[in-house]
Amino acid sequence: MPRNTRLTSDVASAILEALRDGCNVKETCARAGISRGVFYLWQRQKGEYHVAFANAVTIATAAGDVKRHRDLLISLGAIAA
């Protein structure tokens, strides 16, 4: 299947959902059907939509980090579920 090279709202939503789920970039790109190179290219582009996307990626990544850390603490018994 050919990979996407256009940042559509559907692809952006899939990327942000995967990042919020705690996926790393490789897993995120696989779920969204894009290459890592395209993912990083989109974050470097300067158009208004791409800048908003890059900001949303930062927020979604932070949310995913919090989820992964919370899940780890729960699995270690350090906090309640």
C-alpha atoms as a PDB file:
ATOM      1  CA  MET A   1       0.000   0.000   0.000  1.00  0.00           C
ATOM      2  CA  PRO A   2       1.456   3.416  -0.905  1.00  0.00           C
ATOM      3  CA  ARG A   3       2.144   5.744   1.951  1.00  0.00           C
ATOM      4  CA  ASN A   4       0.446   9.090   2.463  1.00  0.00           C
ATOM      5  CA  THR A   5       2.372  12.260   1.770  1.00  0.00           C
ATOM      6  CA  ARG A   6      -0.456  14.762   2.384  1.00  0.00           C
ATOM      7  CA  LEU A   7      -1.381  16.014   5.817  1.00  0.00           C
ATOM      8  CA  THR A   8      -5.144  15.631   5.850  1.00  0.00           C
ATOM      9  CA  SER A   9      -7.367  16.083   8.878  1.00  0.00           C
ATOM     10  CA  ASP A  10      -7.957  12.291   8.975  1.00  0.00           C
ATOM     11  CA  VAL A  11      -4.230  11.539   8.990  1.00  0.00           C
ATOM     12  CA  ALA A  12      -3.566  14.256  11.566  1.00  0.00           C
ATOM     13  CA  SER A  13      -6.314  12.807  13.791  1.00  0.00           C
ATOM     14  CA  ALA A  14      -4.839   9.302  13.502  1.00  0.00           C
ATOM     15  CA  ILE A  15      -1.392  10.617  14.418  1.00  0.00           C
ATOM     16  CA  LEU A  16      -2.613  12.597  17.404  1.00  0.00           C
ATOM     17  CA  GLU A  17      -4.736   9.687  18.666  1.00  0.00           C
ATOM     18  CA  ALA A  18      -1.774   7.306  18.470  1.00  0.00           C
ATOM     19  CA  LEU A  19       0.490   9.752  20.292  1.00  0.00           C
ATOM     20  CA  ARG A  20      -2.120  10.298  23.029  1.00  0.00           C
ATOM     21  CA  ASP A  21      -2.365   6.499  23.342  1.00  0.00           C
ATOM     22  CA  GLY A  22       1.349   6.502  24.189  1.00  0.00           C
ATOM     23  CA  CYS A  23       2.695   5.171  20.888  1.00  0.00           C
ATOM     24  CA  ASN A  24       6.204   6.089  19.858  1.00  0.00           C
ATOM     25  CA  VAL A  25       6.856   7.788  16.502  1.00  0.00           C
ATOM     26  CA  LYS A  26       7.475   4.509  14.659  1.00  0.00           C
ATOM     27  CA  GLU A  27       4.204   2.987  15.910  1.00  0.00           C
ATOM     28  CA  THR A  28       2.351   6.247  15.312  1.00  0.00           C
ATOM     29  CA  CYS A  29       3.492   6.465  11.707  1.00  0.00           C
ATOM     30  CA  ALA A  30       2.568   2.836  11.069  1.00  0.00           C
ATOM     31  CA  ARG A  31      -0.929   3.429  12.448  1.00  0.00           C
ATOM     32  CA  ALA A  32      -1.339   6.559  10.313  1.00  0.00           C
ATOM     33  CA  GLY A  33       0.121   4.986   7.165  1.00  0.00           C
ATOM     34  CA  ILE A  34       2.984   7.450   6.759  1.00  0.00           C
ATOM     35  CA  SER A  35       6.768   7.259   6.907  1.00  0.00           C
ATOM     36  CA  ARG A  36       8.747   8.768   9.769  1.00  0.00           C
ATOM     37  CA  GLY A  37      10.438  11.061   7.266  1.00  0.00           C
ATOM     38  CA  VAL A  38       7.085  12.506   6.207  1.00  0.00           C
ATOM     39  CA  PHE A  39       6.056  12.889   9.860  1.00  0.00           C
ATOM     40  CA  TYR A  40       9.178  14.931  10.620  1.00  0.00           C
ATOM     41  CA  LEU A  41       8.870  16.895   7.370  1.00  0.00           C
ATOM     42  CA  TRP A  42       5.343  17.978   8.281  1.00  0.00           C
ATOM     43  CA  GLN A  43       6.569  19.254  11.640  1.00  0.00           C
ATOM     44  CA  ARG A  44       9.277  21.383   9.996  1.00  0.00           C
ATOM     45  CA  GLN A  45       7.005  23.021   7.423  1.00  0.00           C
ATOM     46  CA  LYS A  46       5.956  26.592   8.142  1.00  0.00           C
ATOM     47  CA  GLY A  47       2.385  26.836   6.801  1.00  0.00           C
ATOM     48  CA  GLU A  48      -0.299  27.736   9.320  1.00  0.00           C
ATOM     49  CA  TYR A  49      -1.821  24.225   9.267  1.00  0.00           C
ATOM     50  CA  HIS A  50       1.592  22.574   9.695  1.00  0.00           C
ATOM     51  CA  VAL A  51       2.534  24.848  12.601  1.00  0.00           C
ATOM     52  CA  ALA A  52      -0.784  24.039  14.307  1.00  0.00           C
ATOM     53  CA  PHE A  53      -0.123  20.342  13.639  1.00  0.00           C
ATOM     54  CA  ALA A  54       3.375  20.547  15.162  1.00  0.00           C
ATOM     55  CA  ASN A  55       1.935  22.217  18.271  1.00  0.00           C
ATOM     56  CA  ALA A  56      -0.773  19.555  18.544  1.00  0.00           C
ATOM     57  CA  VAL A  57       1.898  16.835  18.197  1.00  0.00           C
ATOM     58  CA  THR A  58       3.804  18.333  21.133  1.00  0.00           C
ATOM     59  CA  ILE A  59       0.677  18.330  23.309  1.00  0.00           C
ATOM     60  CA  ALA A  60      -0.382  14.821  22.253  1.00  0.00           C
ATOM     61  CA  THR A  61       3.132  13.499  22.894  1.00  0.00           C
ATOM     62  CA  ALA A  62       3.088  14.960  26.397  1.00  0.00           C
ATOM     63  CA  ALA A  63      -0.313  13.373  27.052  1.00  0.00           C
ATOM     64  CA  GLY A  64       1.034  10.032  25.828  1.00  0.00           C
ATOM     65  CA  ASP A  65       4.069  10.368  28.098  1.00  0.00           C
ATOM     66  CA  VAL A  66       1.803  11.002  31.086  1.00  0.00           C
ATOM     67  CA  LYS A  67      -0.310   7.950  30.157  1.00  0.00           C
ATOM     68  CA  ARG A  68       2.765   5.694  29.830  1.00  0.00           C
ATOM     69  CA  HIS A  69       4.211   6.912  33.146  1.00  0.00           C
ATOM     70  CA  ARG A  70       0.868   6.506  34.912  1.00  0.00           C
ATOM     71  CA  ASP A  71       0.498   2.977  33.529  1.00  0.00           C
ATOM     72  CA  LEU A  72       4.019   2.144  34.728  1.00  0.00           C
ATOM     73  CA  LEU A  73       3.328   3.457  38.228  1.00  0.00           C
ATOM     74  CA  ILE A  74       0.103   1.453  38.372  1.00  0.00           C
ATOM     75  CA  SER A  75       1.898  -1.717  37.239  1.00  0.00           C
ATOM     76  CA  LEU A  76       4.524  -1.183  39.951  1.00  0.00           C
ATOM     77  CA  GLY A  77       1.840  -0.681  42.584  1.00  0.00           C
ATOM     78  CA  ALA A  78       3.064   2.820  43.315  1.00  0.00           C
ATOM     79  CA  ILE A  79      -0.367   4.347  42.689  1.00  0.00           C
ATOM     80  CA  ALA A  80      -3.912   3.026  42.559  1.00  0.00           C
ATOM     81  CA  ALA A  81      -5.667   2.527  39.235  1.00  0.00           C
END
